[in-house]
Amino acid sequence: MTLLTVAEARERLRMGRNQFYEIIKRREIAVIRRGRKLLIPEPEIDRLIRQEIIPAKRSFFKSHRSSLSCSAETR
């Protein structure tokens, strides 16, 4: 298991320092404390990324298709 520093984890997530520490404070991500150093297991970063992905719904495009296309009547 690879352990990442806070800086490395933030870089992977493209997240600011304060926001990342807020996630740690809310215990949304597991950390390992070694003295004063915080280390984040790489699978936790992957889990957080998967958790944040929202799949696009095809029904949105089907229901809005008619309003997105131009018709001869509106010209």
Protein backbone atom coordinates (compact mmCIF):
# COMPACT_ATOMS: atom_id res chain seq x y z
CA MET A 1 0.00 0.00 0.00
CA THR A 2 1.38 3.36 -1.03
CA LEU A 3 1.17 6.20 1.46
CA LEU A 4 0.95 9.77 0.22
CA THR A 5 1.85 12.98 1.97
CA VAL A 6 -0.81 15.66 2.28
CA ALA A 7 0.85 17.62 -0.54
CA GLU A 8 0.85 14.58 -2.85
CA ALA A 9 -2.77 13.75 -2.04
CA ARG A 10 -3.86 17.36 -2.61
CA GLU A 11 -2.07 17.39 -5.95
CA ARG A 12 -3.86 14.24 -7.10
CA LEU A 13 -7.21 15.65 -6.05
CA ARG A 14 -6.41 19.17 -7.27
CA MET A 15 -7.66 20.49 -3.99
CA GLY A 16 -6.65 23.43 -1.85
CA ARG A 17 -4.90 23.02 1.49
CA ASN A 18 -7.77 24.25 3.67
CA GLN A 19 -10.36 22.20 1.81
CA PHE A 20 -8.25 19.05 2.16
CA TYR A 21 -7.73 19.54 5.90
CA GLU A 22 -11.48 20.12 6.25
CA ILE A 23 -12.12 16.70 4.66
CA ILE A 24 -9.69 15.16 7.15
CA LYS A 25 -11.38 16.99 10.03
CA ARG A 26 -14.82 15.68 8.93
CA ARG A 27 -13.28 12.17 8.77
CA GLU A 28 -14.28 11.72 5.14
CA ILE A 29 -10.85 10.28 4.42
CA ALA A 30 -8.71 7.94 6.51
CA VAL A 31 -5.27 9.16 7.53
CA ILE A 32 -2.30 7.62 9.30
CA ARG A 33 -0.49 9.84 11.77
CA ARG A 34 3.25 9.33 12.20
CA GLY A 35 4.32 11.85 14.80
CA ARG A 36 3.26 15.18 13.35
CA LYS A 37 3.11 13.89 9.79
CA LEU A 38 -0.17 12.83 8.17
CA LEU A 39 -0.05 10.10 5.54
CA ILE A 40 -2.94 9.15 3.32
CA PRO A 41 -3.33 5.62 1.90
CA GLU A 42 -3.57 5.75 -1.90
CA PRO A 43 -6.80 3.66 -1.95
CA GLU A 44 -8.46 6.43 0.09
CA ILE A 45 -7.71 8.93 -2.67
CA ASP A 46 -9.13 6.56 -5.28
CA ARG A 47 -12.24 6.02 -3.14
CA LEU A 48 -12.77 9.74 -2.72
CA ILE A 49 -12.47 10.29 -6.47
CA ARG A 50 -14.98 7.51 -7.24
CA GLN A 51 -17.35 8.91 -4.61
CA GLU A 52 -17.33 12.35 -6.25
CA ILE A 53 -18.05 11.17 -9.81
CA ILE A 54 -21.66 11.72 -10.83
CA PRO A 55 -22.74 9.75 -13.91
CA ALA A 56 -24.52 11.73 -16.62
CA LYS A 57 -28.11 10.71 -17.14
CA ARG A 58 -29.22 10.06 -20.68
CA SER A 59 -32.81 10.95 -19.79
CA PHE A 60 -31.74 14.61 -19.44
CA PHE A 61 -30.67 14.74 -23.07
CA LYS A 62 -33.77 12.91 -24.29
CA SER A 63 -36.13 15.28 -22.48
CA HIS A 64 -34.28 18.42 -23.60
CA ARG A 65 -33.62 17.38 -27.20
CA SER A 66 -36.67 19.20 -28.57
CA SER A 67 -35.79 22.46 -26.82
CA LEU A 68 -32.16 22.25 -28.00
CA SER A 69 -32.96 21.89 -31.70
CA CYS A 70 -34.17 24.74 -33.92
CA SER A 71 -37.38 24.21 -35.74
CA ALA A 72 -38.65 25.98 -38.84
CA GLU A 73 -41.54 27.40 -36.85
CA THR A 74 -39.29 29.44 -34.50
CA ARG A 75 -37.30 31.12 -37.34
